[in-house]
Amino acid sequence: MSMKQLLFISISLLSILLSACSLTETSSEEKDQAEPAPASDKEIDSKEKPAFKSETGEPGTDSSQEKESGESSQNQQESNETSEEGLAIVENPESIKVVVNKNRKLPEGYTPPDLTIPNVPFYFDEELPKKQMRKEAADALEKLFQAADQAGQDLVAASGYRSYERQKNLFEGYIEEYGEEKAKTFSARPGTSEHQTGLAMDVTSAKMSFKLDESFRDTKEGEWLAEHAHEYGFIIRYPEGKQEITGYTYEPWHLRYVGKNVSSEIHKAEETLEEFFGLYLSES
């Protein structure tokens, strides 16, 4: 075989080998693109973790309005637990929007937390429990009294927190004096009194000789309170003309703290707490 023929054969074999290598590399690249490497554990955790809206600042972040809506829903849901008298036992007694009435009772032995004495004038000097309120309500009452004083009103606090035992003694005394049917129109059975929540305060004035009477509404203090109490988170809990709904006669002196948003809505709609939360009495 000549030298020329050997050179031709060598070149042909080299060409075939180079082509084979090229095909192998191409196949390997295509495989790498079709099957990417698995993501790291860190990347997987990042993708699996929920993106809470409260972390991104987007709409839907937990707000006070949503909290109030949640508490409203809780109030509207009757407790599955009932007392011996067949009353619903409230599940959220520490909520400032708790509804306690003739159908809804506080849990056995309930005492509200953070009771304190608001820095407002009382008609008595003794350090009695009825000077107390829940801290948030007490702070709001101080602001209300300050505003009343600046407006030339002479409000005086009369009765705040009342224990179950104290309410029991009062209610039984009223029954003995007035009879049960009459007593039930102005006094609560023990466990169903707003005073036990620590969110209520009866107020009066020197002009009323510190008495609690419907005529308080006709005083300038009573008029101011009816018009401005909601601005500080309070409502007149038992309004005039709403006895069939609340179960109690008109009490222009009975303030109940519910927070500014709820108090303003109730004042604007001229509603009761029962109407606002849809918790009507099954019987009056």
Protein backbone atom coordinates (compact mmCIF):
# COMPACT_ATOMS: atom_id res chain seq x y z
CA MET A 1 0.00 0.00 0.00
CA SER A 2 1.35 3.36 -0.98
CA MET A 3 2.06 6.18 1.41
CA LYS A 4 -0.69 8.27 -0.18
CA GLN A 5 -3.35 5.61 0.57
CA LEU A 6 -2.22 5.26 4.22
CA LEU A 7 -2.53 9.02 4.75
CA PHE A 8 -6.07 9.03 3.31
CA ILE A 9 -7.18 6.18 5.62
CA SER A 10 -5.71 7.92 8.71
CA ILE A 11 -7.50 11.16 7.95
CA SER A 12 -10.84 9.31 7.50
CA LEU A 13 -10.51 7.49 10.84
CA LEU A 14 -9.68 10.74 12.65
CA SER A 15 -12.75 12.41 11.16
CA ILE A 16 -14.99 9.56 12.33
CA LEU A 17 -13.60 9.75 15.88
CA LEU A 18 -14.13 13.52 16.11
CA SER A 19 -17.75 13.17 14.96
CA ALA A 20 -18.44 10.55 17.62
CA CYS A 21 -17.10 12.82 20.38
CA SER A 22 -19.25 15.70 19.18
CA LEU A 23 -22.42 13.59 19.30
CA THR A 24 -21.63 12.42 22.86
CA GLU A 25 -21.15 15.98 24.17
CA THR A 26 -24.36 17.17 22.50
CA SER A 27 -26.37 14.36 24.09
CA SER A 28 -24.91 15.17 27.52
CA GLU A 29 -25.81 18.89 27.23
CA GLU A 30 -29.38 18.07 26.22
CA LYS A 31 -29.74 15.78 29.22
CA ASP A 32 -28.44 18.49 31.59
CA GLN A 33 -31.02 20.97 30.26
CA ALA A 34 -33.90 18.50 30.51
CA GLU A 35 -33.09 17.45 34.09
CA PRO A 36 -32.00 20.48 36.17
CA ALA A 37 -30.33 19.87 39.50
CA PRO A 38 -32.73 19.59 42.50
CA ALA A 39 -33.34 22.80 44.48
CA SER A 40 -31.59 23.16 47.81
CA ASP A 41 -33.44 22.66 51.12
CA LYS A 42 -33.30 26.41 51.72
CA GLU A 43 -35.00 27.18 48.40
CA ILE A 44 -37.73 24.60 49.09
CA ASP A 45 -38.41 26.01 52.55
CA SER A 46 -38.69 29.49 51.08
CA LYS A 47 -41.26 28.40 48.51
CA GLU A 48 -43.28 26.31 50.93
CA LYS A 49 -43.52 29.04 53.59
CA PRO A 50 -46.82 31.01 53.40
CA ALA A 51 -46.44 34.67 52.44
CA PHE A 52 -48.53 36.31 55.14
CA LYS A 53 -50.03 39.61 54.07
CA SER A 54 -49.16 41.17 57.39
CA GLU A 55 -45.47 40.66 56.45
CA THR A 56 -45.77 42.29 53.03
CA GLY A 57 -47.86 45.28 54.08
CA GLU A 58 -50.51 44.43 51.50
CA PRO A 59 -54.25 44.88 52.08
CA GLY A 60 -55.58 42.30 54.49
CA THR A 61 -53.08 43.01 57.23
CA ASP A 62 -54.56 42.32 60.67
CA SER A 63 -56.08 45.60 61.82
CA SER A 64 -58.15 46.85 64.74
CA GLN A 65 -61.20 46.84 62.47
CA GLU A 66 -60.71 43.16 61.71
CA LYS A 67 -60.20 42.41 65.40
CA GLU A 68 -63.48 44.13 66.18
CA SER A 69 -65.19 42.14 63.45
CA GLY A 70 -63.82 38.96 64.98
CA GLU A 71 -65.06 39.92 68.42
CA SER A 72 -68.43 40.80 66.96
CA SER A 73 -68.66 37.32 65.51
CA GLN A 74 -67.74 35.82 68.86
CA ASN A 75 -70.45 37.83 70.55
CA GLN A 76 -73.02 36.69 68.01
CA GLN A 77 -72.23 33.04 68.58
CA GLU A 78 -74.17 31.72 71.55
CA SER A 79 -72.16 29.63 73.96
CA ASN A 80 -72.88 25.92 73.95
CA GLU A 81 -72.52 25.97 77.72
CA THR A 82 -75.54 26.94 79.76
CA SER A 83 -76.16 27.64 83.41
CA GLU A 84 -78.60 25.81 85.67
CA GLU A 85 -81.16 28.48 84.83
CA GLY A 86 -80.75 27.77 81.12
CA LEU A 87 -78.80 30.97 80.40
CA ALA A 88 -75.95 31.05 77.89
CA ILE A 89 -72.59 31.39 79.61
CA VAL A 90 -70.48 33.93 77.70
CA GLU A 91 -67.23 32.57 76.30
CA ASN A 92 -65.34 35.87 76.15
CA PRO A 93 -66.04 37.66 79.45
CA GLU A 94 -62.87 39.78 79.22
CA SER A 95 -63.78 41.32 75.86
CA ILE A 96 -64.71 45.00 76.13
CA LYS A 97 -67.59 44.16 73.79
CA VAL A 98 -69.00 41.34 75.88
CA VAL A 99 -72.79 41.25 76.02
CA VAL A 100 -74.23 40.37 79.41
CA ASN A 101 -78.00 40.48 79.80
CA LYS A 102 -80.98 38.45 81.01
CA ASN A 103 -80.10 35.63 78.62
CA ARG A 104 -76.30 35.75 78.88
CA LYS A 105 -74.42 35.06 82.10
CA LEU A 106 -70.80 35.48 83.16
CA PRO A 107 -68.84 32.32 84.04
CA GLU A 108 -69.06 31.05 87.61
CA GLY A 109 -66.74 32.95 89.93
CA TYR A 110 -65.70 35.48 87.27
CA THR A 111 -63.71 38.47 88.46
CA PRO A 112 -62.46 40.93 85.81
CA PRO A 113 -58.70 41.47 85.48
CA ASP A 114 -56.81 44.76 85.94
CA LEU A 115 -59.38 46.45 88.15
CA THR A 116 -58.32 49.96 89.14
CA ILE A 117 -59.82 53.13 90.55
CA PRO A 118 -60.26 55.93 88.00
CA ASN A 119 -59.11 59.39 89.02
CA VAL A 120 -62.56 60.98 89.02
CA PRO A 121 -64.73 62.48 91.78
CA PHE A 122 -66.98 60.05 93.68
CA TYR A 123 -69.81 60.96 95.97
CA PHE A 124 -68.17 58.97 98.80
CA ASP A 125 -64.63 58.84 100.19
CA GLU A 126 -64.37 55.19 101.28
CA GLU A 127 -62.16 52.87 99.21
CA LEU A 128 -64.98 50.53 98.24
CA PRO A 129 -64.86 47.98 95.39
CA LYS A 130 -67.56 49.92 93.53
CA LYS A 131 -64.98 52.62 92.78
CA GLN A 132 -63.20 50.18 90.48
CA MET A 133 -63.31 49.60 86.72
CA ARG A 134 -61.23 47.71 84.18
CA LYS A 135 -58.07 49.70 83.35
CA GLU A 136 -59.07 50.61 79.79
CA ALA A 137 -62.54 51.68 80.87
CA ALA A 138 -61.13 53.65 83.81
CA ASP A 139 -58.75 55.56 81.54
CA ALA A 140 -61.61 56.38 79.18
CA LEU A 141 -63.80 57.52 82.08
CA GLU A 142 -61.09 59.93 83.23
CA LYS A 143 -61.02 61.50 79.76
CA LEU A 144 -64.80 61.76 79.71
CA PHE A 145 -64.86 63.48 83.12
CA GLN A 146 -62.09 65.86 82.07
CA ALA A 147 -64.05 66.85 78.98
CA ALA A 148 -67.24 67.25 81.02
CA ASP A 149 -65.44 69.48 83.51
CA GLN A 150 -64.06 71.65 80.70
CA ALA A 151 -67.60 71.96 79.38
CA GLY A 152 -68.80 73.17 82.78
CA GLN A 153 -70.50 69.90 83.78
CA ASP A 154 -70.38 68.58 87.34
CA LEU A 155 -70.39 64.79 86.96
CA VAL A 156 -69.85 62.50 89.93
CA ALA A 157 -69.18 58.75 89.80
CA ALA A 158 -71.49 56.56 91.88
CA SER A 159 -71.02 52.84 91.30
CA GLY A 160 -68.69 50.73 89.16
CA TYR A 161 -67.54 47.14 89.72
CA ARG A 162 -69.86 44.89 91.67
CA SER A 163 -69.06 41.30 92.61
CA TYR A 164 -71.43 38.37 92.16
CA GLU A 165 -72.00 38.23 95.92
CA ARG A 166 -72.74 41.96 96.16
CA GLN A 167 -75.20 41.75 93.25
CA LYS A 168 -76.87 38.75 94.86
CA ASN A 169 -77.44 40.65 98.09
CA LEU A 170 -78.79 43.69 96.25
CA PHE A 171 -81.14 41.67 94.04
CA GLU A 172 -82.54 39.69 96.93
CA GLY A 173 -83.05 42.92 98.89
CA TYR A 174 -84.95 44.49 96.00
CA ILE A 175 -87.16 41.40 95.69
CA GLU A 176 -87.99 41.63 99.38
CA GLU A 177 -88.81 45.32 99.07
CA TYR A 178 -90.53 45.51 95.67
CA GLY A 179 -91.40 41.95 94.69
CA GLU A 180 -89.60 39.86 92.05
CA GLU A 181 -91.42 41.15 88.97
CA LYS A 182 -90.72 44.77 89.79
CA ALA A 183 -87.14 44.05 90.87
CA LYS A 184 -86.37 42.37 87.55
CA THR A 185 -87.18 45.57 85.65
CA PHE A 186 -84.31 47.53 87.18
CA SER A 187 -81.94 45.04 88.84
CA ALA A 188 -80.03 42.11 87.35
CA ARG A 189 -79.88 38.59 88.68
CA PRO A 190 -76.41 37.77 90.06
CA GLY A 191 -74.07 36.76 87.25
CA THR A 192 -75.94 38.80 84.64
CA SER A 193 -75.03 42.29 85.84
CA GLU A 194 -72.92 44.59 83.68
CA HIS A 195 -71.31 45.89 86.83
CA GLN A 196 -69.61 42.52 87.34
CA THR A 197 -67.75 42.99 84.02
CA GLY A 198 -65.90 46.02 85.39
CA LEU A 199 -66.92 47.96 82.28
CA ALA A 200 -69.87 49.91 83.71
CA MET A 201 -70.14 53.01 85.86
CA ASP A 202 -73.22 54.76 87.19
CA VAL A 203 -72.83 58.53 87.27
CA THR A 204 -74.84 61.33 88.81
CA SER A 205 -74.41 64.93 89.97
CA ALA A 206 -74.63 67.06 93.08
CA LYS A 207 -77.80 68.62 91.67
CA MET A 208 -79.36 65.16 91.83
CA SER A 209 -78.23 64.86 95.46
CA PHE A 210 -76.16 61.97 94.05
CA LYS A 211 -79.28 59.88 93.42
CA LEU A 212 -79.78 57.65 90.39
CA ASP A 213 -83.05 58.75 88.86
CA GLU A 214 -84.55 59.12 85.38
CA SER A 215 -84.77 62.87 85.94
CA PHE A 216 -80.97 62.95 85.58
CA ARG A 217 -81.57 63.09 81.80
CA ASP A 218 -83.18 66.51 82.23
CA THR A 219 -80.14 68.03 83.94
CA LYS A 220 -77.43 69.69 81.91
CA GLU A 221 -75.04 66.92 82.98
CA GLY A 222 -77.47 64.26 81.77
CA GLU A 223 -77.96 66.07 78.46
CA TRP A 224 -74.21 66.44 77.94
CA LEU A 225 -73.63 62.77 78.73
CA ALA A 226 -76.29 61.59 76.28
CA GLU A 227 -74.71 63.69 73.54
CA HIS A 228 -71.00 63.12 74.19
CA ALA A 229 -70.47 59.81 76.04
CA HIS A 230 -69.92 57.92 72.77
CA GLU A 231 -66.95 60.15 71.94
CA TYR A 232 -65.06 58.45 74.79
CA GLY A 233 -66.14 54.87 74.13
CA PHE A 234 -69.26 54.76 76.33
CA ILE A 235 -72.93 54.17 75.60
CA ILE A 236 -76.06 54.76 77.65
CA ARG A 237 -76.62 51.05 78.12
CA TYR A 238 -80.35 51.12 78.83
CA PRO A 239 -81.88 53.86 76.63
CA GLU A 240 -85.35 55.30 76.84
CA GLY A 241 -88.02 53.35 74.95
CA LYS A 242 -85.89 50.19 74.63
CA GLN A 243 -87.12 48.22 77.65
CA GLU A 244 -88.55 45.42 75.51
CA ILE A 245 -85.11 44.94 73.96
CA THR A 246 -82.80 45.37 76.96
CA GLY A 247 -85.20 44.03 79.59
CA TYR A 248 -84.58 47.04 81.84
CA THR A 249 -86.17 50.43 82.41
CA TYR A 250 -84.50 53.62 81.22
CA GLU A 251 -81.24 54.39 83.05
CA PRO A 252 -79.68 57.65 81.78
CA TRP A 253 -76.97 57.30 84.45
CA HIS A 254 -75.66 53.84 83.47
CA LEU A 255 -72.53 54.09 81.30
CA ARG A 256 -71.04 51.04 79.63
CA TYR A 257 -67.62 51.06 77.99
CA VAL A 258 -67.45 49.33 74.57
CA GLY A 259 -64.68 51.26 72.78
CA LYS A 260 -64.99 54.31 70.53
CA ASN A 261 -65.79 52.56 67.25
CA VAL A 262 -68.70 50.55 68.62
CA SER A 263 -70.01 53.37 70.81
CA SER A 264 -70.05 55.78 67.86
CA GLU A 265 -71.92 53.31 65.65
CA ILE A 266 -74.46 52.53 68.35
CA HIS A 267 -74.99 56.23 69.07
CA LYS A 268 -75.44 57.05 65.40
CA ALA A 269 -77.93 54.21 64.83
CA GLU A 270 -79.68 54.87 68.18
CA GLU A 271 -79.38 51.17 68.99
CA THR A 272 -78.80 49.04 72.03
CA LEU A 273 -75.99 46.53 72.53
CA GLU A 274 -78.50 43.75 71.84
CA GLU A 275 -79.49 45.29 68.51
CA PHE A 276 -75.91 46.02 67.48
CA PHE A 277 -74.76 42.43 68.00
CA GLY A 278 -78.09 40.78 67.16
CA LEU A 279 -78.42 39.23 70.61
CA TYR A 280 -82.09 39.80 71.32
CA LEU A 281 -83.68 38.52 74.49
CA SER A 282 -85.71 35.34 74.16
CA GLU A 283 -87.99 36.70 76.85
CA SER A 284 -88.30 40.01 78.67
